[in-house]
Structure formats: structure tokens, C-alpha cells
Amino acid sequence: MDCPMCQVEMKLIRAGVSKKTNKPYKAFYKCEECGGTVNAGAEAEPAPKISKPVFNGDNLGMMRLAYRKDLMVALVNKMTEHTDANSVIIMFNTLWAEVEK
């Protein structure tokens, strides 16, 4: 398919799930020259469904993990107010190792 704006051949982007928003999107054509997009319509497969995470009945464990991650983010945010970037990276890696235990 040629781009309606600049007449350059467009690239088909298959349906998938956005890495940024984690939402599904339908297939579309994208022009690498001007950045224009066109819906691929019936030519492409439907967007995949997003699977929900499986908690294996351990909701308490998941809540604790979420709490530890939230706490770590709060600590790192507080640290950035008073320390340099290298210290924050070291502290983040140390805290992350604790969260993942």
C-alpha cells in the first residue's frame, strides 16, 4: 500500500499489545517517510487479547509484594531529593534485590 500523503510504500504493523500502555491495538500501515498511518482494516488479523495475571490464590503474597514495591518507589523518590544519581542507582538495585526475595 502506498502512502496517501507522500506516495511512498507503507510498512504493515501487525496487531499487538502496546509496550507503553499494555493495551491491544489493531494492525495498521505506517509510512516511514512522513510518519502517516492508515488502518489495515480486514487485511490483518484481530488484535490479541490481554491475559490477566494468575495469582495462584496467594492474594496476601501479591499484596505484600505490591506494598514492598510501593515503599521502594517512595524511598527512591525521597533519595533523589538529597543524593546524586549514582547513589540512587546503587540504592535502587539494593532495594530491588530485597523486593524480589
PDB file of N, CA and C in Angstrom:
ATOM      1  N   MET A   1       0.836  -1.169   0.000  1.00  0.00           N
ATOM      2  CA  MET A   1       0.000   0.000   0.000  1.00  0.00           C
ATOM      3  C   MET A   1       0.889   1.243   0.000  1.00  0.00           C
ATOM      4  N   ASP A   2       0.541   2.209  -0.824  1.00  0.00           N
ATOM      5  CA  ASP A   2       1.300   3.460  -0.891  1.00  0.00           C
ATOM      6  C   ASP A   2       0.681   4.506   0.027  1.00  0.00           C
ATOM      7  N   CYS A   3       1.534   5.326   0.603  1.00  0.00           N
ATOM      8  CA  CYS A   3       1.103   6.400   1.499  1.00  0.00           C
ATOM      9  C   CYS A   3       0.266   7.414   0.722  1.00  0.00           C
ATOM     10  N   PRO A   4      -0.922   7.773   1.229  1.00  0.00           N
ATOM     11  CA  PRO A   4      -1.739   8.753   0.515  1.00  0.00           C
ATOM     12  C   PRO A   4      -1.135  10.161   0.526  1.00  0.00           C
ATOM     13  N   MET A   5      -0.211  10.437   1.445  1.00  0.00           N
ATOM     14  CA  MET A   5       0.366  11.782   1.536  1.00  0.00           C
ATOM     15  C   MET A   5       1.617  11.948   0.683  1.00  0.00           C
ATOM     16  N   CYS A   6       2.527  10.944   0.738  1.00  0.00           N
ATOM     17  CA  CYS A   6       3.805  11.125   0.028  1.00  0.00           C
ATOM     18  C   CYS A   6       4.067  10.048  -1.025  1.00  0.00           C
ATOM     19  N   GLN A   7       3.143   9.123  -1.203  1.00  0.00           N
ATOM     20  CA  GLN A   7       3.204   8.090  -2.246  1.00  0.00           C
ATOM     21  C   GLN A   7       4.334   7.078  -2.059  1.00  0.00           C
ATOM     22  N   VAL A   8       4.928   6.985  -0.865  1.00  0.00           N
ATOM     23  CA  VAL A   8       5.975   6.011  -0.558  1.00  0.00           C
ATOM     24  C   VAL A   8       5.297   4.741  -0.042  1.00  0.00           C
ATOM     25  N   GLU A   9       5.881   3.593  -0.334  1.00  0.00           N
ATOM     26  CA  GLU A   9       5.302   2.333   0.146  1.00  0.00           C
ATOM     27  C   GLU A   9       5.291   2.304   1.674  1.00  0.00           C
ATOM     28  N   MET A  10       4.142   1.889   2.236  1.00  0.00           N
ATOM     29  CA  MET A  10       3.963   1.856   3.689  1.00  0.00           C
ATOM     30  C   MET A  10       4.287   0.473   4.240  1.00  0.00           C
ATOM     31  N   LYS A  11       4.667   0.419   5.494  1.00  0.00           N
ATOM     32  CA  LYS A  11       5.013  -0.833   6.175  1.00  0.00           C
ATOM     33  C   LYS A  11       3.820  -1.279   7.020  1.00  0.00           C
ATOM     34  N   LEU A  12       3.475  -2.580   6.931  1.00  0.00           N
ATOM     35  CA  LEU A  12       2.384  -3.129   7.731  1.00  0.00           C
ATOM     36  C   LEU A  12       2.872  -3.381   9.157  1.00  0.00           C
ATOM     37  N   ILE A  13       2.204  -2.794  10.122  1.00  0.00           N
ATOM     38  CA  ILE A  13       2.465  -3.041  11.534  1.00  0.00           C
ATOM     39  C   ILE A  13       1.361  -3.965  12.010  1.00  0.00           C
ATOM     40  N   ARG A  14       1.717  -5.185  12.358  1.00  0.00           N
ATOM     41  CA  ARG A  14       0.718  -6.171  12.767  1.00  0.00           C
ATOM     42  C   ARG A  14       0.078  -5.801  14.099  1.00  0.00           C
ATOM     43  N   ALA A  15      -1.114  -6.321  14.327  1.00  0.00           N
ATOM     44  CA  ALA A  15      -1.823  -6.094  15.587  1.00  0.00           C
ATOM     45  C   ALA A  15      -0.971  -6.598  16.738  1.00  0.00           C
ATOM     46  N   GLY A  16      -1.074  -5.948  17.858  1.00  0.00           N
ATOM     47  CA  GLY A  16      -0.275  -6.350  19.007  1.00  0.00           C
ATOM     48  C   GLY A  16      -0.741  -5.669  20.271  1.00  0.00           C
ATOM     49  N   VAL A  17       0.136  -5.656  21.254  1.00  0.00           N
ATOM     50  CA  VAL A  17      -0.154  -5.019  22.536  1.00  0.00           C
ATOM     51  C   VAL A  17       0.918  -3.956  22.769  1.00  0.00           C
ATOM     52  N   SER A  18       0.475  -2.744  23.080  1.00  0.00           N
ATOM     53  CA  SER A  18       1.392  -1.631  23.306  1.00  0.00           C
ATOM     54  C   SER A  18       2.276  -1.898  24.517  1.00  0.00           C
ATOM     55  N   LYS A  19       3.588  -1.709  24.357  1.00  0.00           N
ATOM     56  CA  LYS A  19       4.516  -1.866  25.480  1.00  0.00           C
ATOM     57  C   LYS A  19       4.340  -0.734  26.487  1.00  0.00           C
ATOM     58  N   LYS A  20       3.909   0.409  26.002  1.00  0.00           N
ATOM     59  CA  LYS A  20       3.767   1.579  26.863  1.00  0.00           C
ATOM     60  C   LYS A  20       2.487   1.544  27.692  1.00  0.00           C
ATOM     61  N   THR A  21       1.350   1.196  27.054  1.00  0.00           N
ATOM     62  CA  THR A  21       0.061   1.236  27.747  1.00  0.00           C
ATOM     63  C   THR A  21      -0.486  -0.140  28.091  1.00  0.00           C
ATOM     64  N   ASN A  22       0.109  -1.194  27.541  1.00  0.00           N
ATOM     65  CA  ASN A  22      -0.355  -2.573  27.725  1.00  0.00           C
ATOM     66  C   ASN A  22      -1.768  -2.778  27.184  1.00  0.00           C
ATOM     67  N   LYS A  23      -2.159  -1.979  26.183  1.00  0.00           N
ATOM     68  CA  LYS A  23      -3.471  -2.109  25.556  1.00  0.00           C
ATOM     69  C   LYS A  23      -3.299  -2.662  24.150  1.00  0.00           C
ATOM     70  N   PRO A  24      -4.260  -3.483  23.698  1.00  0.00           N
ATOM     71  CA  PRO A  24      -4.151  -4.027  22.342  1.00  0.00           C
ATOM     72  C   PRO A  24      -4.417  -2.952  21.294  1.00  0.00           C
ATOM     73  N   TYR A  25      -3.789  -3.131  20.129  1.00  0.00           N
ATOM     74  CA  TYR A  25      -4.060  -2.231  19.008  1.00  0.00           C
ATOM     75  C   TYR A  25      -4.238  -3.067  17.760  1.00  0.00           C
ATOM     76  N   LYS A  26      -5.019  -2.523  16.814  1.00  0.00           N
ATOM     77  CA  LYS A  26      -5.273  -3.206  15.547  1.00  0.00           C
ATOM     78  C   LYS A  26      -4.118  -2.950  14.591  1.00  0.00           C
ATOM     79  N   ALA A  27      -4.015  -3.801  13.592  1.00  0.00           N
ATOM     80  CA  ALA A  27      -2.962  -3.653  12.590  1.00  0.00           C
ATOM     81  C   ALA A  27      -3.161  -2.357  11.800  1.00  0.00           C
ATOM     82  N   PHE A  28      -2.044  -1.764  11.372  1.00  0.00           N
ATOM     83  CA  PHE A  28      -2.116  -0.538  10.585  1.00  0.00           C
ATOM     84  C   PHE A  28      -0.885  -0.449   9.695  1.00  0.00           C
ATOM     85  N   TYR A  29      -0.976   0.416   8.697  1.00  0.00           N
ATOM     86  CA  TYR A  29       0.159   0.698   7.829  1.00  0.00           C
ATOM     87  C   TYR A  29       0.798   1.997   8.301  1.00  0.00           C
ATOM     88  N   LYS A  30       2.141   2.045   8.268  1.00  0.00           N
ATOM     89  CA  LYS A  30       2.856   3.245   8.679  1.00  0.00           C
ATOM     90  C   LYS A  30       3.851   3.624   7.594  1.00  0.00           C
ATOM     91  N   CYS A  31       3.879   4.906   7.303  1.00  0.00           N
ATOM     92  CA  CYS A  31       4.832   5.432   6.327  1.00  0.00           C
ATOM     93  C   CYS A  31       6.102   5.824   7.072  1.00  0.00           C
ATOM     94  N   GLU A  32       7.227   5.258   6.677  1.00  0.00           N
ATOM     95  CA  GLU A  32       8.492   5.579   7.334  1.00  0.00           C
ATOM     96  C   GLU A  32       9.059   6.907   6.829  1.00  0.00           C
ATOM     97  N   GLU A  33       8.494   7.430   5.759  1.00  0.00           N
ATOM     98  CA  GLU A  33       8.961   8.705   5.211  1.00  0.00           C
ATOM     99  C   GLU A  33       8.324   9.887   5.947  1.00  0.00           C
ATOM    100  N   CYS A  34       6.984   9.908   6.020  1.00  0.00           N
ATOM    101  CA  CYS A  34       6.296  11.055   6.615  1.00  0.00           C
ATOM    102  C   CYS A  34       5.650  10.749   7.962  1.00  0.00           C
ATOM    103  N   GLY A  35       5.611   9.459   8.356  1.00  0.00           N
ATOM    104  CA  GLY A  35       5.031   9.087   9.642  1.00  0.00           C
ATOM    105  C   GLY A  35       3.526   8.896   9.621  1.00  0.00           C
ATOM    106  N   GLY A  36       2.907   9.048   8.461  1.00  0.00           N
ATOM    107  CA  GLY A  36       1.461   8.869   8.351  1.00  0.00           C
ATOM    108  C   GLY A  36       1.050   7.421   8.607  1.00  0.00           C
ATOM    109  N   THR A  37      -0.191   7.239   9.048  1.00  0.00           N
ATOM    110  CA  THR A  37      -0.708   5.895   9.308  1.00  0.00           C
ATOM    111  C   THR A  37      -2.056   5.713   8.632  1.00  0.00           C
ATOM    112  N   VAL A  38      -2.358   4.456   8.300  1.00  0.00           N
ATOM    113  CA  VAL A  38      -3.636   4.081   7.706  1.00  0.00           C
ATOM    114  C   VAL A  38      -4.061   2.765   8.339  1.00  0.00           C
ATOM    115  N   ASN A  39      -5.335   2.662   8.729  1.00  0.00           N
ATOM    116  CA  ASN A  39      -5.878   1.437   9.302  1.00  0.00           C
ATOM    117  C   ASN A  39      -5.747   0.302   8.286  1.00  0.00           C
ATOM    118  N   ALA A  40      -5.295  -0.869   8.727  1.00  0.00           N
ATOM    119  CA  ALA A  40      -5.110  -2.004   7.818  1.00  0.00           C
ATOM    120  C   ALA A  40      -6.425  -2.683   7.500  1.00  0.00           C
ATOM    121  N   GLY A  41      -7.459  -2.444   8.301  1.00  0.00           N
ATOM    122  CA  GLY A  41      -8.778  -2.997   8.023  1.00  0.00           C
ATOM    123  C   GLY A  41      -8.804  -4.507   8.084  1.00  0.00           C
ATOM    124  N   ALA A  42      -9.525  -5.112   7.149  1.00  0.00           N
ATOM    125  CA  ALA A  42      -9.740  -6.564   7.152  1.00  0.00           C
ATOM    126  C   ALA A  42      -8.524  -7.340   6.668  1.00  0.00           C
ATOM    127  N   GLU A  43      -7.489  -6.673   6.222  1.00  0.00           N
ATOM    128  CA  GLU A  43      -6.311  -7.356   5.686  1.00  0.00           C
ATOM    129  C   GLU A  43      -5.484  -8.049   6.770  1.00  0.00           C
ATOM    130  N   ALA A  44      -5.632  -7.623   8.008  1.00  0.00           N
ATOM    131  CA  ALA A  44      -4.781  -8.143   9.079  1.00  0.00           C
ATOM    132  C   ALA A  44      -5.612  -8.841  10.142  1.00  0.00           C
ATOM    133  N   GLU A  45      -4.935  -9.650  10.926  1.00  0.00           N
ATOM    134  CA  GLU A  45      -5.597 -10.396  11.988  1.00  0.00           C
ATOM    135  C   GLU A  45      -6.045  -9.457  13.113  1.00  0.00           C
ATOM    136  N   PRO A  46      -7.035  -9.870  13.914  1.00  0.00           N
ATOM    137  CA  PRO A  46      -7.500  -9.028  15.017  1.00  0.00           C
ATOM    138  C   PRO A  46      -6.424  -8.882  16.096  1.00  0.00           C
ATOM    139  N   ALA A  47      -6.557  -7.836  16.892  1.00  0.00           N
ATOM    140  CA  ALA A  47      -5.616  -7.601  17.984  1.00  0.00           C
ATOM    141  C   ALA A  47      -5.712  -8.735  19.009  1.00  0.00           C
ATOM    142  N   PRO A  48      -4.585  -9.145  19.590  1.00  0.00           N
ATOM    143  CA  PRO A  48      -4.610 -10.225  20.570  1.00  0.00           C
ATOM    144  C   PRO A  48      -5.286  -9.783  21.869  1.00  0.00           C
ATOM    145  N   LYS A  49      -5.826 -10.744  22.579  1.00  0.00           N
ATOM    146  CA  LYS A  49      -6.438 -10.458  23.868  1.00  0.00           C
ATOM    147  C   LYS A  49      -5.347 -10.417  24.937  1.00  0.00           C
ATOM    148  N   ILE A  50      -5.522  -9.574  25.929  1.00  0.00           N
ATOM    149  CA  ILE A  50      -4.570  -9.462  27.029  1.00  0.00           C
ATOM    150  C   ILE A  50      -4.957 -10.484  28.084  1.00  0.00           C
ATOM    151  N   SER A  51      -3.994 -11.280  28.483  1.00  0.00           N
ATOM    152  CA  SER A  51      -4.291 -12.256  29.524  1.00  0.00           C
ATOM    153  C   SER A  51      -4.126 -11.604  30.886  1.00  0.00           C
ATOM    154  N   LYS A  52      -4.994 -11.970  31.809  1.00  0.00           N
ATOM    155  CA  LYS A  52      -4.916 -11.435  33.159  1.00  0.00           C
ATOM    156  C   LYS A  52      -3.888 -12.235  33.940  1.00  0.00           C
ATOM    157  N   PRO A  53      -3.185 -11.592  34.880  1.00  0.00           N
ATOM    158  CA  PRO A  53      -2.194 -12.322  35.668  1.00  0.00           C
ATOM    159  C   PRO A  53      -2.852 -13.371  36.557  1.00  0.00           C
ATOM    160  N   VAL A  54      -2.141 -14.444  36.761  1.00  0.00           N
ATOM    161  CA  VAL A  54      -2.629 -15.519  37.622  1.00  0.00           C
ATOM    162  C   VAL A  54      -1.965 -15.368  38.978  1.00  0.00           C
ATOM    163  N   PHE A  55      -2.772 -15.348  40.041  1.00  0.00           N
ATOM    164  CA  PHE A  55      -2.237 -15.134  41.375  1.00  0.00           C
ATOM    165  C   PHE A  55      -2.109 -16.424  42.176  1.00  0.00           C
ATOM    166  N   ASN A  56      -2.573 -17.542  41.646  1.00  0.00           N
ATOM    167  CA  ASN A  56      -2.471 -18.840  42.321  1.00  0.00           C
ATOM    168  C   ASN A  56      -3.058 -18.819  43.729  1.00  0.00           C
ATOM    169  N   GLY A  57      -4.074 -17.995  43.941  1.00  0.00           N
ATOM    170  CA  GLY A  57      -4.741 -17.977  45.237  1.00  0.00           C
ATOM    171  C   GLY A  57      -3.956 -17.312  46.349  1.00  0.00           C
ATOM    172  N   ASP A  58      -2.777 -16.767  46.054  1.00  0.00           N
ATOM    173  CA  ASP A  58      -1.954 -16.162  47.093  1.00  0.00           C
ATOM    174  C   ASP A  58      -2.083 -14.639  47.021  1.00  0.00           C
ATOM    175  N   ASN A  59      -3.298 -14.133  47.288  1.00  0.00           N
ATOM    176  CA  ASN A  59      -3.528 -12.688  47.211  1.00  0.00           C
ATOM    177  C   ASN A  59      -2.747 -11.940  48.279  1.00  0.00           C
ATOM    178  N   LEU A  60      -2.578 -12.522  49.449  1.00  0.00           N
ATOM    179  CA  LEU A  60      -1.830 -11.874  50.515  1.00  0.00           C
ATOM    180  C   LEU A  60      -0.371 -11.669  50.092  1.00  0.00           C
ATOM    181  N   GLY A  61       0.217 -12.683  49.473  1.00  0.00           N
ATOM    182  CA  GLY A  61       1.594 -12.571  48.986  1.00  0.00           C
ATOM    183  C   GLY A  61       1.722 -11.500  47.921  1.00  0.00           C
ATOM    184  N   MET A  62       0.729 -11.397  47.020  1.00  0.00           N
ATOM    185  CA  MET A  62       0.756 -10.376  45.977  1.00  0.00           C
ATOM    186  C   MET A  62       0.599  -8.987  46.587  1.00  0.00           C
ATOM    187  N   MET A  63      -0.251  -8.858  47.594  1.00  0.00           N
ATOM    188  CA  MET A  63      -0.421  -7.565  48.256  1.00  0.00           C
ATOM    189  C   MET A  63       0.871  -7.136  48.941  1.00  0.00           C
ATOM    190  N   ARG A  64       1.560  -8.077  49.582  1.00  0.00           N
ATOM    191  CA  ARG A  64       2.831  -7.749  50.229  1.00  0.00           C
ATOM    192  C   ARG A  64       3.870  -7.305  49.220  1.00  0.00           C
ATOM    193  N   LEU A  65       3.933  -8.007  48.092  1.00  0.00           N
ATOM    194  CA  LEU A  65       4.885  -7.638  47.045  1.00  0.00           C
ATOM    195  C   LEU A  65       4.581  -6.238  46.511  1.00  0.00           C
ATOM    196  N   ALA A  66       3.307  -5.954  46.267  1.00  0.00           N
ATOM    197  CA  ALA A  66       2.917  -4.633  45.781  1.00  0.00           C
ATOM    198  C   ALA A  66       3.274  -3.559  46.815  1.00  0.00           C
ATOM    199  N   TYR A  67       3.054  -3.837  48.076  1.00  0.00           N
ATOM    200  CA  TYR A  67       3.381  -2.875  49.129  1.00  0.00           C
ATOM    201  C   TYR A  67       4.887  -2.622  49.178  1.00  0.00           C
ATOM    202  N   ARG A  68       5.679  -3.688  49.082  1.00  0.00           N
ATOM    203  CA  ARG A  68       7.133  -3.511  49.122  1.00  0.00           C
ATOM    204  C   ARG A  68       7.619  -2.684  47.937  1.00  0.00           C
ATOM    205  N   LYS A  69       7.026  -2.913  46.762  1.00  0.00           N
ATOM    206  CA  LYS A  69       7.420  -2.132  45.581  1.00  0.00           C
ATOM    207  C   LYS A  69       7.020  -0.667  45.752  1.00  0.00           C
ATOM    208  N   ASP A  70       5.809  -0.415  46.276  1.00  0.00           N
ATOM    209  CA  ASP A  70       5.385   0.966  46.515  1.00  0.00           C
ATOM    210  C   ASP A  70       6.300   1.650  47.515  1.00  0.00           C
ATOM    211  N   LEU A  71       6.673   0.941  48.549  1.00  0.00           N
ATOM    212  CA  LEU A  71       7.564   1.501  49.557  1.00  0.00           C
ATOM    213  C   LEU A  71       8.928   1.827  48.950  1.00  0.00           C
ATOM    214  N   MET A  72       9.418   0.928  48.095  1.00  0.00           N
ATOM    215  CA  MET A  72      10.703   1.154  47.458  1.00  0.00           C
ATOM    216  C   MET A  72      10.667   2.393  46.569  1.00  0.00           C
ATOM    217  N   VAL A  73       9.584   2.575  45.825  1.00  0.00           N
ATOM    218  CA  VAL A  73       9.452   3.747  44.964  1.00  0.00           C
ATOM    219  C   VAL A  73       9.452   5.020  45.810  1.00  0.00           C
ATOM    220  N   ALA A  74       8.740   5.001  46.927  1.00  0.00           N
ATOM    221  CA  ALA A  74       8.706   6.170  47.810  1.00  0.00           C
ATOM    222  C   ALA A  74      10.095   6.489  48.358  1.00  0.00           C
ATOM    223  N   LEU A  75      10.832   5.465  48.741  1.00  0.00           N
ATOM    224  CA  LEU A  75      12.182   5.687  49.255  1.00  0.00           C
ATOM    225  C   LEU A  75      13.111   6.250  48.189  1.00  0.00           C
ATOM    226  N   VAL A  76      13.033   5.711  46.988  1.00  0.00           N
ATOM    227  CA  VAL A  76      13.884   6.191  45.897  1.00  0.00           C
ATOM    228  C   VAL A  76      13.521   7.642  45.568  1.00  0.00           C
ATOM    229  N   ASN A  77      12.238   7.965  45.535  1.00  0.00           N
ATOM    230  CA  ASN A  77      11.823   9.346  45.268  1.00  0.00           C
ATOM    231  C   ASN A  77      12.376  10.289  46.323  1.00  0.00           C
ATOM    232  N   LYS A  78      12.327   9.885  47.574  1.00  0.00           N
ATOM    233  CA  LYS A  78      12.853  10.720  48.655  1.00  0.00           C
ATOM    234  C   LYS A  78      14.371  10.886  48.513  1.00  0.00           C
ATOM    235  N   MET A  79      15.054   9.806  48.146  1.00  0.00           N
ATOM    236  CA  MET A  79      16.515   9.856  47.993  1.00  0.00           C
ATOM    237  C   MET A  79      16.947  10.815  46.899  1.00  0.00           C
ATOM    238  N   THR A  80      16.177  10.874  45.804  1.00  0.00           N
ATOM    239  CA  THR A  80      16.575  11.730  44.679  1.00  0.00           C
ATOM    240  C   THR A  80      16.582  13.205  45.059  1.00  0.00           C
ATOM    241  N   GLU A  81      15.892  13.546  46.129  1.00  0.00           N
ATOM    242  CA  GLU A  81      15.886  14.934  46.579  1.00  0.00           C
ATOM    243  C   GLU A  81      17.222  15.321  47.221  1.00  0.00           C
ATOM    244  N   HIS A  82      17.975  14.330  47.736  1.00  0.00           N
ATOM    245  CA  HIS A  82      19.145  14.639  48.550  1.00  0.00           C
ATOM    246  C   HIS A  82      20.453  14.017  48.080  1.00  0.00           C
ATOM    247  N   THR A  83      20.436  13.171  47.047  1.00  0.00           N
ATOM    248  CA  THR A  83      21.668  12.497  46.634  1.00  0.00           C
ATOM    249  C   THR A  83      21.857  12.533  45.131  1.00  0.00           C
ATOM    250  N   ASP A  84      23.046  12.140  44.707  1.00  0.00           N
ATOM    251  CA  ASP A  84      23.368  12.133  43.279  1.00  0.00           C
ATOM    252  C   ASP A  84      22.824  10.863  42.617  1.00  0.00           C
ATOM    253  N   ALA A  85      22.830  10.837  41.283  1.00  0.00           N
ATOM    254  CA  ALA A  85      22.237   9.754  40.504  1.00  0.00           C
ATOM    255  C   ALA A  85      22.894   8.406  40.776  1.00  0.00           C
ATOM    256  N   ASN A  86      24.217   8.349  40.906  1.00  0.00           N
ATOM    257  CA  ASN A  86      24.896   7.073  41.134  1.00  0.00           C
ATOM    258  C   ASN A  86      24.482   6.447  42.460  1.00  0.00           C
ATOM    259  N   SER A  87      24.331   7.255  43.479  1.00  0.00           N
ATOM    260  CA  SER A  87      23.892   6.736  44.776  1.00  0.00           C
ATOM    261  C   SER A  87      22.471   6.195  44.692  1.00  0.00           C
ATOM    262  N   VAL A  88      21.625   6.884  43.925  1.00  0.00           N
ATOM    263  CA  VAL A  88      20.244   6.437  43.764  1.00  0.00           C
ATOM    264  C   VAL A  88      20.214   5.094  43.039  1.00  0.00           C
ATOM    265  N   ILE A  89      21.035   4.939  42.015  1.00  0.00           N
ATOM    266  CA  ILE A  89      21.077   3.672  41.266  1.00  0.00           C
ATOM    267  C   ILE A  89      21.526   2.532  42.173  1.00  0.00           C
ATOM    268  N   ILE A  90      22.550   2.758  42.956  1.00  0.00           N
ATOM    269  CA  ILE A  90      23.038   1.721  43.883  1.00  0.00           C
ATOM    270  C   ILE A  90      21.955   1.358  44.881  1.00  0.00           C
ATOM    271  N   MET A  91      21.299   2.366  45.460  1.00  0.00           N
ATOM    272  CA  MET A  91      20.241   2.103  46.432  1.00  0.00           C
ATOM    273  C   MET A  91      19.062   1.385  45.784  1.00  0.00           C
ATOM    274  N   PHE A  92      18.704   1.795  44.563  1.00  0.00           N
ATOM    275  CA  PHE A  92      17.611   1.145  43.855  1.00  0.00           C
ATOM    276  C   PHE A  92      17.902  -0.339  43.653  1.00  0.00           C
ATOM    277  N   ASN A  93      19.092  -0.661  43.180  1.00  0.00           N
ATOM    278  CA  ASN A  93      19.456  -2.061  42.938  1.00  0.00           C
ATOM    279  C   ASN A  93      19.426  -2.860  44.242  1.00  0.00           C
ATOM    280  N   THR A  94      19.880  -2.267  45.317  1.00  0.00           N
ATOM    281  CA  THR A  94      19.863  -2.942  46.617  1.00  0.00           C
ATOM    282  C   THR A  94      18.431  -3.194  47.072  1.00  0.00           C
ATOM    283  N   LEU A  95      17.590  -2.165  46.956  1.00  0.00           N
ATOM    284  CA  LEU A  95      16.199  -2.313  47.373  1.00  0.00           C
ATOM    285  C   LEU A  95      15.457  -3.303  46.479  1.00  0.00           C
ATOM    286  N   TRP A  96      15.733  -3.248  45.188  1.00  0.00           N
ATOM    287  CA  TRP A  96      15.053  -4.164  44.263  1.00  0.00           C
ATOM    288  C   TRP A  96      15.397  -5.619  44.585  1.00  0.00           C
ATOM    289  N   ALA A  97      16.626  -5.875  44.937  1.00  0.00           N
ATOM    290  CA  ALA A  97      17.025  -7.237  45.320  1.00  0.00           C
ATOM    291  C   ALA A  97      16.206  -7.702  46.524  1.00  0.00           C
ATOM    292  N   GLU A  98      15.929  -6.778  47.453  1.00  0.00           N
ATOM    293  CA  GLU A  98      15.118  -7.131  48.626  1.00  0.00           C
ATOM    294  C   GLU A  98      13.671  -7.405  48.227  1.00  0.00           C
ATOM    295  N   VAL A  99      13.139  -6.612  47.311  1.00  0.00           N
ATOM    296  CA  VAL A  99      11.754  -6.795  46.878  1.00  0.00           C
ATOM    297  C   VAL A  99      11.580  -8.151  46.187  1.00  0.00           C
ATOM    298  N   GLU A 100      12.549  -8.543  45.413  1.00  0.00           N
ATOM    299  CA  GLU A 100      12.444  -9.774  44.645  1.00  0.00           C
ATOM    300  C   GLU A 100      12.693 -11.039  45.451  1.00  0.00           C
ATOM    301  N   LYS A 101      13.062 -10.916  46.707  1.00  0.00           N
ATOM    302  CA  LYS A 101      13.324 -12.117  47.533  1.00  0.00           C
ATOM    303  C   LYS A 101      12.071 -12.924  47.734  1.00  0.00           C
TER     304      LYS A 101
END
